[in-house]
């Protein structure tokens, strides 16, 4: 039996970016850092982002996301790490908590 690759597996709809965000996390060497970046996608359950620094699976992450006139504060855990071209990495992050800080 073949799996239909066009079927959406996620239970929550995704919004595709770029979506501006500031991330605070620790890389694989344990160094804490902040980065202004853009998310590839966002849902009520998590986000996907690419960057040059590598994070471990299970690493904690804090995000301040700017979307549709809102600022959203979120904490999450890295669930997936994908190797990307030119030595960068993609990260699937599942939210643990989030809250809307401001909206217009």
PDB file of N, CA and C in Angstrom:
ATOM      1  N   UNK A   1       0.834  -1.172   0.000  1.00  0.00           N
ATOM      2  CA  UNK A   1       0.000   0.000   0.000  1.00  0.00           C
ATOM      3  C   UNK A   1       0.882   1.240   0.000  1.00  0.00           C
ATOM      4  N   UNK A   2       0.576   2.206  -0.859  1.00  0.00           N
ATOM      5  CA  UNK A   2       1.347   3.432  -0.974  1.00  0.00           C
ATOM      6  C   UNK A   2       0.665   4.549  -0.202  1.00  0.00           C
ATOM      7  N   UNK A   3       1.484   5.357   0.444  1.00  0.00           N
ATOM      8  CA  UNK A   3       0.959   6.494   1.194  1.00  0.00           C
ATOM      9  C   UNK A   3       0.772   7.676   0.252  1.00  0.00           C
ATOM     10  N   UNK A   4      -0.333   8.359   0.354  1.00  0.00           N
ATOM     11  CA  UNK A   4      -0.603   9.541  -0.459  1.00  0.00           C
ATOM     12  C   UNK A   4       0.132  10.728   0.149  1.00  0.00           C
ATOM     13  N   UNK A   5       1.180  11.217  -0.525  1.00  0.00           N
ATOM     14  CA  UNK A   5       2.000  12.301   0.000  1.00  0.00           C
ATOM     15  C   UNK A   5       1.260  13.637   0.018  1.00  0.00           C
ATOM     16  N   UNK A   6       0.129  13.753  -0.657  1.00  0.00           N
ATOM     17  CA  UNK A   6      -0.598  15.014  -0.690  1.00  0.00           C
ATOM     18  C   UNK A   6      -1.537  15.183   0.500  1.00  0.00           C
ATOM     19  N   UNK A   7      -1.733  14.155   1.286  1.00  0.00           N
ATOM     20  CA  UNK A   7      -2.624  14.227   2.440  1.00  0.00           C
ATOM     21  C   UNK A   7      -1.922  14.952   3.585  1.00  0.00           C
ATOM     22  N   UNK A   8      -2.584  15.930   4.158  1.00  0.00           N
ATOM     23  CA  UNK A   8      -2.035  16.680   5.286  1.00  0.00           C
ATOM     24  C   UNK A   8      -2.121  15.833   6.546  1.00  0.00           C
ATOM     25  N   UNK A   9      -0.980  15.650   7.228  1.00  0.00           N
ATOM     26  CA  UNK A   9      -0.933  14.835   8.437  1.00  0.00           C
ATOM     27  C   UNK A   9      -1.167  15.647   9.698  1.00  0.00           C
ATOM     28  N   UNK A  10      -0.991  16.954   9.614  1.00  0.00           N
ATOM     29  CA  UNK A  10      -1.105  17.781  10.812  1.00  0.00           C
ATOM     30  C   UNK A  10      -2.558  18.003  11.188  1.00  0.00           C
ATOM     31  N   UNK A  11      -2.812  18.075  12.482  1.00  0.00           N
ATOM     32  CA  UNK A  11      -4.179  18.280  12.953  1.00  0.00           C
ATOM     33  C   UNK A  11      -4.551  19.754  13.018  1.00  0.00           C
ATOM     34  N   UNK A  12      -3.548  20.655  13.006  1.00  0.00           N
ATOM     35  CA  UNK A  12      -3.808  22.085  13.078  1.00  0.00           C
ATOM     36  C   UNK A  12      -3.335  22.752  11.784  1.00  0.00           C
ATOM     37  N   UNK A  13      -4.133  23.660  11.232  1.00  0.00           N
ATOM     38  CA  UNK A  13      -3.737  24.331   9.996  1.00  0.00           C
ATOM     39  C   UNK A  13      -2.472  25.161  10.185  1.00  0.00           C
ATOM     40  N   UNK A  14      -1.689  25.285   9.132  1.00  0.00           N
ATOM     41  CA  UNK A  14      -0.439  26.040   9.140  1.00  0.00           C
ATOM     42  C   UNK A  14      -0.616  27.356   8.390  1.00  0.00           C
ATOM     43  N   UNK A  15       0.088  28.366   8.873  1.00  0.00           N
ATOM     44  CA  UNK A  15       0.223  29.641   8.181  1.00  0.00           C
ATOM     45  C   UNK A  15       1.664  29.690   7.704  1.00  0.00           C
ATOM     46  N   UNK A  16       1.848  29.917   6.416  1.00  0.00           N
ATOM     47  CA  UNK A  16       3.190  29.882   5.846  1.00  0.00           C
ATOM     48  C   UNK A  16       3.770  31.281   5.759  1.00  0.00           C
ATOM     49  N   UNK A  17       5.072  31.392   6.068  1.00  0.00           N
ATOM     50  CA  UNK A  17       5.770  32.659   6.165  1.00  0.00           C
ATOM     51  C   UNK A  17       6.378  33.131   4.876  1.00  0.00           C
ATOM     52  N   UNK A  18       7.212  34.129   5.038  1.00  0.00           N
ATOM     53  CA  UNK A  18       7.999  34.429   6.236  1.00  0.00           C
ATOM     54  C   UNK A  18       7.207  35.176   7.309  1.00  0.00           C
ATOM     55  N   UNK A  19       7.440  34.780   8.564  1.00  0.00           N
ATOM     56  CA  UNK A  19       6.796  35.379   9.728  1.00  0.00           C
ATOM     57  C   UNK A  19       7.911  35.850  10.666  1.00  0.00           C
ATOM     58  N   UNK A  20       8.039  37.165  10.907  1.00  0.00           N
ATOM     59  CA  UNK A  20       9.127  37.673  11.752  1.00  0.00           C
ATOM     60  C   UNK A  20       9.054  37.140  13.182  1.00  0.00           C
ATOM     61  N   UNK A  21      10.230  36.815  13.723  1.00  0.00           N
ATOM     62  CA  UNK A  21      10.290  36.310  15.093  1.00  0.00           C
ATOM     63  C   UNK A  21      11.675  36.546  15.690  1.00  0.00           C
ATOM     64  N   UNK A  22      11.718  36.657  17.009  1.00  0.00           N
ATOM     65  CA  UNK A  22      12.957  36.681  17.759  1.00  0.00           C
ATOM     66  C   UNK A  22      12.978  35.396  18.574  1.00  0.00           C
ATOM     67  N   UNK A  23      14.058  34.637  18.449  1.00  0.00           N
ATOM     68  CA  UNK A  23      14.189  33.374  19.172  1.00  0.00           C
ATOM     69  C   UNK A  23      15.307  33.470  20.195  1.00  0.00           C
ATOM     70  N   UNK A  24      15.100  32.827  21.319  1.00  0.00           N
ATOM     71  CA  UNK A  24      16.136  32.707  22.352  1.00  0.00           C
ATOM     72  C   UNK A  24      16.240  31.225  22.685  1.00  0.00           C
ATOM     73  N   UNK A  25      17.461  30.672  22.562  1.00  0.00           N
ATOM     74  CA  UNK A  25      17.656  29.238  22.812  1.00  0.00           C
ATOM     75  C   UNK A  25      19.129  28.962  23.079  1.00  0.00           C
ATOM     76  N   UNK A  26      19.454  27.684  23.245  1.00  0.00           N
ATOM     77  CA  UNK A  26      20.842  27.235  23.423  1.00  0.00           C
ATOM     78  C   UNK A  26      21.199  26.294  22.285  1.00  0.00           C
ATOM     79  N   UNK A  27      22.400  26.495  21.720  1.00  0.00           N
ATOM     80  CA  UNK A  27      22.830  25.606  20.644  1.00  0.00           C
ATOM     81  C   UNK A  27      23.397  24.312  21.223  1.00  0.00           C
ATOM     82  N   UNK A  28      23.893  23.438  20.360  1.00  0.00           N
ATOM     83  CA  UNK A  28      24.370  22.124  20.805  1.00  0.00           C
ATOM     84  C   UNK A  28      25.585  22.212  21.722  1.00  0.00           C
ATOM     85  N   UNK A  29      26.323  23.329  21.659  1.00  0.00           N
ATOM     86  CA  UNK A  29      27.471  23.494  22.561  1.00  0.00           C
ATOM     87  C   UNK A  29      27.051  24.057  23.919  1.00  0.00           C
ATOM     88  N   UNK A  30      25.753  24.392  24.081  1.00  0.00           N
ATOM     89  CA  UNK A  30      25.251  24.925  25.340  1.00  0.00           C
ATOM     90  C   UNK A  30      25.272  26.438  25.401  1.00  0.00           C
ATOM     91  N   UNK A  31      25.715  27.089  24.315  1.00  0.00           N
ATOM     92  CA  UNK A  31      25.778  28.547  24.282  1.00  0.00           C
ATOM     93  C   UNK A  31      24.386  29.138  24.052  1.00  0.00           C
ATOM     94  N   UNK A  32      23.991  30.059  24.924  1.00  0.00           N
ATOM     95  CA  UNK A  32      22.714  30.753  24.812  1.00  0.00           C
ATOM     96  C   UNK A  32      22.844  31.861  23.769  1.00  0.00           C
ATOM     97  N   UNK A  33      21.812  32.028  22.937  1.00  0.00           N
ATOM     98  CA  UNK A  33      21.845  33.085  21.926  1.00  0.00           C
ATOM     99  C   UNK A  33      20.438  33.542  21.578  1.00  0.00           C
ATOM    100  N   UNK A  34      20.376  34.757  21.020  1.00  0.00           N
ATOM    101  CA  UNK A  34      19.136  35.314  20.477  1.00  0.00           C
ATOM    102  C   UNK A  34      19.357  35.577  19.002  1.00  0.00           C
ATOM    103  N   UNK A  35      18.286  35.412  18.224  1.00  0.00           N
ATOM    104  CA  UNK A  35      18.380  35.662  16.798  1.00  0.00           C
ATOM    105  C   UNK A  35      17.069  36.228  16.280  1.00  0.00           C
ATOM    106  N   UNK A  36      17.171  37.288  15.484  1.00  0.00           N
ATOM    107  CA  UNK A  36      16.017  37.802  14.743  1.00  0.00           C
ATOM    108  C   UNK A  36      15.967  37.000  13.451  1.00  0.00           C
ATOM    109  N   UNK A  37      14.832  36.393  13.167  1.00  0.00           N
ATOM    110  CA  UNK A  37      14.727  35.514  12.014  1.00  0.00           C
ATOM    111  C   UNK A  37      13.305  35.544  11.474  1.00  0.00           C
ATOM    112  N   UNK A  38      13.033  34.672  10.528  1.00  0.00           N
ATOM    113  CA  UNK A  38      11.687  34.517   9.983  1.00  0.00           C
ATOM    114  C   UNK A  38      11.302  33.048  10.029  1.00  0.00           C
ATOM    115  N   UNK A  39      10.105  32.780  10.528  1.00  0.00           N
ATOM    116  CA  UNK A  39       9.593  31.415  10.590  1.00  0.00           C
ATOM    117  C   UNK A  39       9.118  30.987   9.207  1.00  0.00           C
ATOM    118  N   UNK A  40       9.320  29.716   8.889  1.00  0.00           N
ATOM    119  CA  UNK A  40       8.785  29.163   7.638  1.00  0.00           C
ATOM    120  C   UNK A  40       7.283  28.962   7.744  1.00  0.00           C
ATOM    121  N   UNK A  41       6.837  28.482   8.916  1.00  0.00           N
ATOM    122  CA  UNK A  41       5.405  28.311   9.132  1.00  0.00           C
ATOM    123  C   UNK A  41       5.089  28.324  10.621  1.00  0.00           C
ATOM    124  N   UNK A  42       3.789  28.467  10.907  1.00  0.00           N
ATOM    125  CA  UNK A  42       3.313  28.631  12.272  1.00  0.00           C
ATOM    126  C   UNK A  42       1.924  28.010  12.379  1.00  0.00           C
ATOM    127  N   UNK A  43       1.652  27.354  13.506  1.00  0.00           N
ATOM    128  CA  UNK A  43       0.307  26.846  13.793  1.00  0.00           C
ATOM    129  C   UNK A  43       0.059  27.015  15.286  1.00  0.00           C
ATOM    130  N   UNK A  44      -1.128  26.664  15.729  1.00  0.00           N
ATOM    131  CA  UNK A  44      -1.433  26.711  17.160  1.00  0.00           C
ATOM    132  C   UNK A  44      -0.584  25.701  17.930  1.00  0.00           C
ATOM    133  N   UNK A  45      -0.043  24.693  17.244  1.00  0.00           N
ATOM    134  CA  UNK A  45       0.734  23.654  17.907  1.00  0.00           C
ATOM    135  C   UNK A  45       2.231  23.833  17.854  1.00  0.00           C
ATOM    136  N   UNK A  46       2.736  24.719  16.974  1.00  0.00           N
ATOM    137  CA  UNK A  46       4.172  24.875  16.883  1.00  0.00           C
ATOM    138  C   UNK A  46       4.613  25.711  15.703  1.00  0.00           C
ATOM    139  N   UNK A  47       5.908  25.587  15.374  1.00  0.00           N
ATOM    140  CA  UNK A  47       6.496  26.380  14.307  1.00  0.00           C
ATOM    141  C   UNK A  47       7.605  25.586  13.624  1.00  0.00           C
ATOM    142  N   UNK A  48       8.011  26.077  12.443  1.00  0.00           N
ATOM    143  CA  UNK A  48       9.180  25.528  11.752  1.00  0.00           C
ATOM    144  C   UNK A  48      10.052  26.708  11.373  1.00  0.00           C
ATOM    145  N   UNK A  49      11.346  26.603  11.686  1.00  0.00           N
ATOM    146  CA  UNK A  49      12.290  27.683  11.417  1.00  0.00           C
ATOM    147  C   UNK A  49      13.617  27.085  10.942  1.00  0.00           C
ATOM    148  N   UNK A  50      14.322  27.847  10.114  1.00  0.00           N
ATOM    149  CA  UNK A  50      15.661  27.443   9.664  1.00  0.00           C
ATOM    150  C   UNK A  50      16.683  28.460  10.151  1.00  0.00           C
ATOM    151  N   UNK A  51      17.859  27.962  10.551  1.00  0.00           N
ATOM    152  CA  UNK A  51      18.966  28.837  10.946  1.00  0.00           C
ATOM    153  C   UNK A  51      20.278  28.076  10.848  1.00  0.00           C
ATOM    154  N   UNK A  52      21.376  28.810  10.980  1.00  0.00           N
ATOM    155  CA  UNK A  52      22.698  28.209  10.826  1.00  0.00           C
ATOM    156  C   UNK A  52      23.201  27.519  12.087  1.00  0.00           C
ATOM    157  N   UNK A  53      22.724  27.907  13.237  1.00  0.00           N
ATOM    158  CA  UNK A  53      23.151  27.251  14.475  1.00  0.00           C
ATOM    159  C   UNK A  53      22.307  26.019  14.708  1.00  0.00           C
ATOM    160  N   UNK A  54      22.953  24.987  15.203  1.00  0.00           N
ATOM    161  CA  UNK A  54      22.246  23.723  15.429  1.00  0.00           C
ATOM    162  C   UNK A  54      21.721  23.642  16.859  1.00  0.00           C
ATOM    163  N   UNK A  55      20.507  23.130  16.991  1.00  0.00           N
ATOM    164  CA  UNK A  55      19.890  22.858  18.284  1.00  0.00           C
ATOM    165  C   UNK A  55      19.689  21.361  18.421  1.00  0.00           C
ATOM    166  N   UNK A  56      19.668  20.880  19.637  1.00  0.00           N
ATOM    167  CA  UNK A  56      19.410  19.465  19.892  1.00  0.00           C
ATOM    168  C   UNK A  56      17.906  19.200  19.924  1.00  0.00           C
ATOM    169  N   UNK A  57      17.524  17.989  19.568  1.00  0.00           N
ATOM    170  CA  UNK A  57      16.157  17.552  19.817  1.00  0.00           C
ATOM    171  C   UNK A  57      15.939  17.627  21.328  1.00  0.00           C
ATOM    172  N   UNK A  58      14.798  18.095  21.757  1.00  0.00           N
ATOM    173  CA  UNK A  58      14.415  18.301  23.163  1.00  0.00           C
ATOM    174  C   UNK A  58      14.932  19.612  23.737  1.00  0.00           C
ATOM    175  N   UNK A  59      15.649  20.425  22.937  1.00  0.00           N
ATOM    176  CA  UNK A  59      16.093  21.735  23.415  1.00  0.00           C
ATOM    177  C   UNK A  59      14.889  22.647  23.613  1.00  0.00           C
ATOM    178  N   UNK A  60      14.951  23.487  24.639  1.00  0.00           N
ATOM    179  CA  UNK A  60      13.902  24.476  24.892  1.00  0.00           C
ATOM    180  C   UNK A  60      14.147  25.705  24.033  1.00  0.00           C
ATOM    181  N   UNK A  61      13.058  26.390  23.679  1.00  0.00           N
ATOM    182  CA  UNK A  61      13.146  27.560  22.831  1.00  0.00           C
ATOM    183  C   UNK A  61      12.090  28.564  23.272  1.00  0.00           C
ATOM    184  N   UNK A  62      12.459  29.839  23.290  1.00  0.00           N
ATOM    185  CA  UNK A  62      11.524  30.929  23.546  1.00  0.00           C
ATOM    186  C   UNK A  62      11.382  31.709  22.255  1.00  0.00           C
ATOM    187  N   UNK A  63      10.172  32.084  21.884  1.00  0.00           N
ATOM    188  CA  UNK A  63       9.942  32.855  20.661  1.00  0.00           C
ATOM    189  C   UNK A  63       9.031  34.033  20.941  1.00  0.00           C
ATOM    190  N   UNK A  64       9.363  35.169  20.339  1.00  0.00           N
ATOM    191  CA  UNK A  64       8.491  36.328  20.286  1.00  0.00           C
ATOM    192  C   UNK A  64       8.141  36.493  18.808  1.00  0.00           C
ATOM    193  N   UNK A  65       6.892  36.237  18.476  1.00  0.00           N
ATOM    194  CA  UNK A  65       6.449  36.161  17.084  1.00  0.00           C
ATOM    195  C   UNK A  65       5.575  37.368  16.778  1.00  0.00           C
ATOM    196  N   UNK A  66       5.841  38.014  15.635  1.00  0.00           N
ATOM    197  CA  UNK A  66       5.040  39.145  15.189  1.00  0.00           C
ATOM    198  C   UNK A  66       4.233  38.701  13.974  1.00  0.00           C
ATOM    199  N   UNK A  67       2.903  38.670  14.155  1.00  0.00           N
ATOM    200  CA  UNK A  67       2.043  38.156  13.093  1.00  0.00           C
ATOM    201  C   UNK A  67       0.698  38.871  13.104  1.00  0.00           C
ATOM    202  N   UNK A  68       0.289  39.367  11.951  1.00  0.00           N
ATOM    203  CA  UNK A  68      -1.037  39.977  11.762  1.00  0.00           C
ATOM    204  C   UNK A  68      -1.360  41.029  12.827  1.00  0.00           C
ATOM    205  N   UNK A  69      -0.384  41.906  13.118  1.00  0.00           N
ATOM    206  CA  UNK A  69      -0.603  42.954  14.101  1.00  0.00           C
ATOM    207  C   UNK A  69      -0.555  42.491  15.539  1.00  0.00           C
ATOM    208  N   UNK A  70      -0.130  41.260  15.781  1.00  0.00           N
ATOM    209  CA  UNK A  70      -0.051  40.720  17.143  1.00  0.00           C
ATOM    210  C   UNK A  70       1.395  40.404  17.502  1.00  0.00           C
ATOM    211  N   UNK A  71       1.669  40.412  18.800  1.00  0.00           N
ATOM    212  CA  UNK A  71       2.910  39.848  19.329  1.00  0.00           C
ATOM    213  C   UNK A  71       2.522  38.645  20.162  1.00  0.00           C
ATOM    214  N   UNK A  72       3.134  37.523  19.846  1.00  0.00           N
ATOM    215  CA  UNK A  72       2.833  36.270  20.530  1.00  0.00           C
ATOM    216  C   UNK A  72       4.106  35.778  21.195  1.00  0.00           C
ATOM    217  N   UNK A  73       4.018  35.481  22.485  1.00  0.00           N
ATOM    218  CA  UNK A  73       5.131  34.925  23.245  1.00  0.00           C
ATOM    219  C   UNK A  73       4.892  33.422  23.372  1.00  0.00           C
ATOM    220  N   UNK A  74       5.911  32.624  23.036  1.00  0.00           N
ATOM    221  CA  UNK A  74       5.733  31.173  23.076  1.00  0.00           C
ATOM    222  C   UNK A  74       6.981  30.491  23.608  1.00  0.00           C
ATOM    223  N   UNK A  75       6.769  29.386  24.314  1.00  0.00           N
ATOM    224  CA  UNK A  75       7.861  28.494  24.680  1.00  0.00           C
ATOM    225  C   UNK A  75       7.578  27.152  24.023  1.00  0.00           C
ATOM    226  N   UNK A  76       8.650  26.475  23.637  1.00  0.00           N
ATOM    227  CA  UNK A  76       8.467  25.202  22.969  1.00  0.00           C
ATOM    228  C   UNK A  76       9.679  24.308  23.099  1.00  0.00           C
ATOM    229  N   UNK A  77       9.552  23.132  22.495  1.00  0.00           N
ATOM    230  CA  UNK A  77      10.610  22.116  22.518  1.00  0.00           C
ATOM    231  C   UNK A  77      10.876  21.663  21.093  1.00  0.00           C
ATOM    232  N   UNK A  78      12.154  21.562  20.745  1.00  0.00           N
ATOM    233  CA  UNK A  78      12.538  21.070  19.425  1.00  0.00           C
ATOM    234  C   UNK A  78      12.185  19.595  19.326  1.00  0.00           C
ATOM    235  N   UNK A  79      11.387  19.249  18.330  1.00  0.00           N
ATOM    236  CA  UNK A  79      10.971  17.861  18.114  1.00  0.00           C
ATOM    237  C   UNK A  79      11.678  17.222  16.929  1.00  0.00           C
ATOM    238  N   UNK A  80      12.146  18.058  15.985  1.00  0.00           N
ATOM    239  CA  UNK A  80      12.770  17.521  14.777  1.00  0.00           C
ATOM    240  C   UNK A  80      13.874  18.458  14.314  1.00  0.00           C
ATOM    241  N   UNK A  81      14.992  17.879  13.848  1.00  0.00           N
ATOM    242  CA  UNK A  81      16.098  18.637  13.279  1.00  0.00           C
ATOM    243  C   UNK A  81      16.349  18.102  11.882  1.00  0.00           C
ATOM    244  N   UNK A  82      16.314  19.006  10.888  1.00  0.00           N
ATOM    245  CA  UNK A  82      16.562  18.640   9.493  1.00  0.00           C
ATOM    246  C   UNK A  82      17.815  19.337   9.001  1.00  0.00           C
ATOM    247  N   UNK A  83      18.708  18.610   8.334  1.00  0.00           N
ATOM    248  CA  UNK A  83      19.852  19.237   7.678  1.00  0.00           C
ATOM    249  C   UNK A  83      19.359  19.972   6.443  1.00  0.00           C
ATOM    250  N   UNK A  84      19.877  21.187   6.236  1.00  0.00           N
ATOM    251  CA  UNK A  84      19.508  22.030   5.106  1.00  0.00           C
ATOM    252  C   UNK A  84      20.752  22.289   4.253  1.00  0.00           C
ATOM    253  N   UNK A  85      20.572  22.794   3.045  1.00  0.00           N
ATOM    254  CA  UNK A  85      21.724  23.126   2.203  1.00  0.00           C
ATOM    255  C   UNK A  85      22.619  24.173   2.855  1.00  0.00           C
ATOM    256  N   UNK A  86      23.886  24.152   2.489  1.00  0.00           N
ATOM    257  CA  UNK A  86      24.882  25.137   2.930  1.00  0.00           C
ATOM    258  C   UNK A  86      25.098  25.138   4.436  1.00  0.00           C
ATOM    259  N   UNK A  87      24.901  23.988   5.084  1.00  0.00           N
ATOM    260  CA  UNK A  87      25.235  23.842   6.491  1.00  0.00           C
ATOM    261  C   UNK A  87      24.230  24.399   7.479  1.00  0.00           C
ATOM    262  N   UNK A  88      23.056  24.791   7.026  1.00  0.00           N
ATOM    263  CA  UNK A  88      22.055  25.265   7.982  1.00  0.00           C
ATOM    264  C   UNK A  88      21.149  24.107   8.411  1.00  0.00           C
ATOM    265  N   UNK A  89      20.227  24.399   9.327  1.00  0.00           N
ATOM    266  CA  UNK A  89      19.360  23.368   9.885  1.00  0.00           C
ATOM    267  C   UNK A  89      17.923  23.879   9.950  1.00  0.00           C
ATOM    268  N   UNK A  90      16.975  22.980   9.860  1.00  0.00           N
ATOM    269  CA  UNK A  90      15.565  23.299  10.036  1.00  0.00           C
ATOM    270  C   UNK A  90      15.077  22.626  11.303  1.00  0.00           C
ATOM    271  N   UNK A  91      14.184  23.309  12.025  1.00  0.00           N
ATOM    272  CA  UNK A  91      13.719  22.815  13.320  1.00  0.00           C
ATOM    273  C   UNK A  91      12.205  22.823  13.406  1.00  0.00           C
ATOM    274  N   UNK A  92      11.644  21.687  13.737  1.00  0.00           N
ATOM    275  CA  UNK A  92      10.228  21.584  14.057  1.00  0.00           C
ATOM    276  C   UNK A  92      10.094  21.730  15.551  1.00  0.00           C
ATOM    277  N   UNK A  93       9.323  22.710  15.984  1.00  0.00           N
ATOM    278  CA  UNK A  93       9.184  23.034  17.399  1.00  0.00           C
ATOM    279  C   UNK A  93       7.717  22.876  17.810  1.00  0.00           C
ATOM    280  N   UNK A  94       7.472  22.145  18.878  1.00  0.00           N
ATOM    281  CA  UNK A  94       6.119  21.998  19.436  1.00  0.00           C
ATOM    282  C   UNK A  94       5.980  22.968  20.597  1.00  0.00           C
ATOM    283  N   UNK A  95       4.901  23.755  20.588  1.00  0.00           N
ATOM    284  CA  UNK A  95       4.665  24.702  21.669  1.00  0.00           C
ATOM    285  C   UNK A  95       4.289  23.977  22.953  1.00  0.00           C
ATOM    286  N   UNK A  96       4.823  24.469  24.074  1.00  0.00           N
ATOM    287  CA  UNK A  96       4.388  24.049  25.401  1.00  0.00           C
ATOM    288  C   UNK A  96       3.358  25.045  25.924  1.00  0.00           C
ATOM    289  N   UNK A  97       3.619  26.325  25.690  1.00  0.00           N
ATOM    290  CA  UNK A  97       2.728  27.415  26.110  1.00  0.00           C
ATOM    291  C   UNK A  97       2.857  28.565  25.125  1.00  0.00           C
ATOM    292  N   UNK A  98       1.795  29.335  25.000  1.00  0.00           N
ATOM    293  CA  UNK A  98       1.878  30.586  24.256  1.00  0.00           C
ATOM    294  C   UNK A  98       0.794  31.532  24.749  1.00  0.00           C
ATOM    295  N   UNK A  99       1.032  32.830  24.527  1.00  0.00           N
ATOM    296  CA  UNK A  99       0.040  33.833  24.894  1.00  0.00           C
ATOM    297  C   UNK A  99       0.202  35.052  23.989  1.00  0.00           C
ATOM    298  N   UNK A 100      -0.910  35.712  23.735  1.00  0.00           N
ATOM    299  CA  UNK A 100      -0.885  36.927  22.940  1.00  0.00           C
ATOM    300  C   UNK A 100      -0.568  38.080  23.864  1.00  0.00           C
ATOM    301  N   UNK A 101       0.519  38.811  23.546  1.00  0.00           N
ATOM    302  CA  UNK A 101       0.935  39.941  24.375  1.00  0.00           C
ATOM    303  C   UNK A 101       0.209  41.223  23.989  1.00  0.00           C
ATOM    304  N   UNK A 102       0.038  41.434  22.686  1.00  0.00           N
ATOM    305  CA  UNK A 102      -0.645  42.644  22.217  1.00  0.00           C
ATOM    306  C   UNK A 102      -1.266  42.382  20.861  1.00  0.00           C
ATOM    307  N   UNK A 103      -2.313  43.101  20.582  1.00  0.00           N
ATOM    308  CA  UNK A 103      -2.931  43.034  19.257  1.00  0.00           C
ATOM    309  C   UNK A 103      -3.514  44.395  18.928  1.00  0.00           C
ATOM    310  N   UNK A 104      -3.664  44.638  17.632  1.00  0.00           N
ATOM    311  CA  UNK A 104      -4.187  45.936  17.189  1.00  0.00           C
ATOM    312  C   UNK A 104      -5.658  45.846  16.889  1.00  0.00           C
TER     313      UNK A 104
END
